[in-house]
C-alpha atoms as a PDB file:
ATOM      1  CA  MET A   1       0.000   0.000   0.000  1.00  0.00           C
ATOM      2  CA  PRO A   2       1.627   3.306  -1.063  1.00  0.00           C
ATOM      3  CA  THR A   3       2.011   6.001   1.509  1.00  0.00           C
ATOM      4  CA  SER A   4       1.131   9.583   0.821  1.00  0.00           C
ATOM      5  CA  PRO A   5       3.756  12.230   1.437  1.00  0.00           C
ATOM      6  CA  THR A   6       3.399  13.982   4.752  1.00  0.00           C
ATOM      7  CA  THR A   7       2.966  17.706   4.496  1.00  0.00           C
ATOM      8  CA  THR A   8       3.754  20.070   7.290  1.00  0.00           C
ATOM      9  CA  PRO A   9       0.952  22.537   7.911  1.00  0.00           C
ATOM     10  CA  THR A  10       1.839  26.155   7.249  1.00  0.00           C
ATOM     11  CA  PRO A  11       2.250  27.946  10.569  1.00  0.00           C
ATOM     12  CA  THR A  12      -0.006  30.862  11.384  1.00  0.00           C
ATOM     13  CA  PRO A  13       1.677  34.279  11.489  1.00  0.00           C
ATOM     14  CA  ARG A  14       1.607  34.133  15.318  1.00  0.00           C
ATOM     15  CA  GLN A  15       3.191  30.674  15.349  1.00  0.00           C
ATOM     16  CA  ALA A  16       5.880  31.821  12.919  1.00  0.00           C
ATOM     17  CA  ALA A  17       6.599  34.886  15.066  1.00  0.00           C
ATOM     18  CA  GLU A  18       6.760  32.828  18.270  1.00  0.00           C
ATOM     19  CA  THR A  19       9.131  30.353  16.633  1.00  0.00           C
ATOM     20  CA  ALA A  20      11.356  33.176  15.376  1.00  0.00           C
ATOM     21  CA  MET A  21      11.329  34.745  18.843  1.00  0.00           C
ATOM     22  CA  ARG A  22      12.338  31.477  20.543  1.00  0.00           C
ATOM     23  CA  GLU A  23      15.108  30.864  17.997  1.00  0.00           C
ATOM     24  CA  LEU A  24      16.437  34.403  18.428  1.00  0.00           C
ATOM     25  CA  ASP A  25      16.298  34.104  22.216  1.00  0.00           C
ATOM     26  CA  THR A  26      18.202  30.813  22.088  1.00  0.00           C
ATOM     27  CA  ALA A  27      20.871  32.251  19.785  1.00  0.00           C
ATOM     28  CA  LEU A  28      21.298  35.342  21.951  1.00  0.00           C
ATOM     29  CA  ARG A  29      21.558  33.283  25.140  1.00  0.00           C
ATOM     30  CA  ARG A  30      24.352  31.212  23.574  1.00  0.00           C
ATOM     31  CA  HIS A  31      26.286  34.492  23.592  1.00  0.00           C
ATOM     32  CA  GLY A  32      25.223  35.302  27.148  1.00  0.00           C
ATOM     33  CA  ILE A  33      22.740  37.942  25.979  1.00  0.00           C
ATOM     34  CA  LEU A  34      19.299  38.237  27.525  1.00  0.00           C
ATOM     35  CA  LEU A  35      16.683  40.585  26.089  1.00  0.00           C
ATOM     36  CA  PRO A  36      13.992  40.612  28.807  1.00  0.00           C
ATOM     37  CA  SER A  37      11.581  42.573  26.605  1.00  0.00           C
ATOM     38  CA  LEU A  38      11.846  40.220  23.605  1.00  0.00           C
ATOM     39  CA  SER A  39       8.255  39.585  22.531  1.00  0.00           C
ATOM     40  CA  VAL A  40       5.841  39.091  19.664  1.00  0.00           C
ATOM     41  CA  ASP A  41       4.167  42.378  18.696  1.00  0.00           C
ATOM     42  CA  GLY A  42       0.526  41.485  19.232  1.00  0.00           C
ATOM     43  CA  HIS A  43      -0.707  44.782  17.778  1.00  0.00           C
ATOM     44  CA  ALA A  44       0.870  44.057  14.394  1.00  0.00           C
ATOM     45  CA  LEU A  45      -0.853  40.680  14.308  1.00  0.00           C
ATOM     46  CA  ARG A  46      -4.224  42.077  15.406  1.00  0.00           C
ATOM     47  CA  VAL A  47      -4.321  44.717  12.673  1.00  0.00           C
ATOM     48  CA  GLY A  48      -3.148  42.333   9.962  1.00  0.00           C
ATOM     49  CA  LEU A  49       0.426  43.539   9.551  1.00  0.00           C
ATOM     50  CA  ARG A  50       3.332  41.208   9.004  1.00  0.00           C
ATOM     51  CA  PRO A  51       4.509  39.654  12.264  1.00  0.00           C
ATOM     52  CA  LEU A  52       6.984  41.788  14.166  1.00  0.00           C
ATOM     53  CA  LEU A  53       9.182  41.057  17.153  1.00  0.00           C
ATOM     54  CA  GLY A  54       9.737  43.631  19.840  1.00  0.00           C
ATOM     55  CA  LEU A  55      13.385  43.609  20.845  1.00  0.00           C
ATOM     56  CA  GLY A  56      12.920  46.196  23.569  1.00  0.00           C
ATOM     57  CA  ARG A  57      15.356  48.694  24.932  1.00  0.00           C
ATOM     58  CA  VAL A  58      18.786  47.560  26.059  1.00  0.00           C
ATOM     59  CA  ASN A  59      21.352  48.991  28.430  1.00  0.00           C
ATOM     60  CA  LEU A  60      24.850  49.868  27.257  1.00  0.00           C
ATOM     61  CA  ASP A  61      26.351  46.602  28.493  1.00  0.00           C
ATOM     62  CA  THR A  62      23.838  44.583  26.478  1.00  0.00           C
ATOM     63  CA  ALA A  63      24.405  46.796  23.425  1.00  0.00           C
ATOM     64  CA  LYS A  64      28.148  46.118  23.719  1.00  0.00           C
ATOM     65  CA  MET A  65      27.517  42.361  24.014  1.00  0.00           C
ATOM     66  CA  LEU A  66      25.316  42.442  20.899  1.00  0.00           C
ATOM     67  CA  THR A  67      27.942  44.421  18.990  1.00  0.00           C
ATOM     68  CA  ASP A  68      30.696  42.017  20.031  1.00  0.00           C
ATOM     69  CA  ALA A  69      28.611  38.976  19.060  1.00  0.00           C
ATOM     70  CA  LEU A  70      27.763  40.428  15.658  1.00  0.00           C
ATOM     71  CA  ASN A  71      31.373  41.431  15.015  1.00  0.00           C
ATOM     72  CA  SER A  72      32.829  38.113  16.179  1.00  0.00           C
ATOM     73  CA  PRO A  73      34.884  36.111  13.641  1.00  0.00           C
ATOM     74  CA  GLY A  74      32.149  33.458  13.412  1.00  0.00           C
ATOM     75  CA  ALA A  75      29.394  35.951  12.584  1.00  0.00           C
ATOM     76  CA  SER A  76      28.247  35.832   8.994  1.00  0.00           C
ATOM     77  CA  THR A  77      27.867  38.853   6.760  1.00  0.00           C
ATOM     78  CA  PRO A  78      25.283  39.265   4.008  1.00  0.00           C
END
């Protein structure tokens, strides 16, 4: 009996945003960076805009950590 290919359902915009937020949080934490205000922008979703993530405000120490992580030798450039 042949099997049909399994298709993965397309995530909702909220699910996609939550996944992106978790992946970003995990990547940042690997560098010792915590963004306490990291969140899914519920307003954008409610009014039908593309999903947005709120990164929040950061103190100077966190800004320096982000800069160092992005400028590290292993960081990719577009």
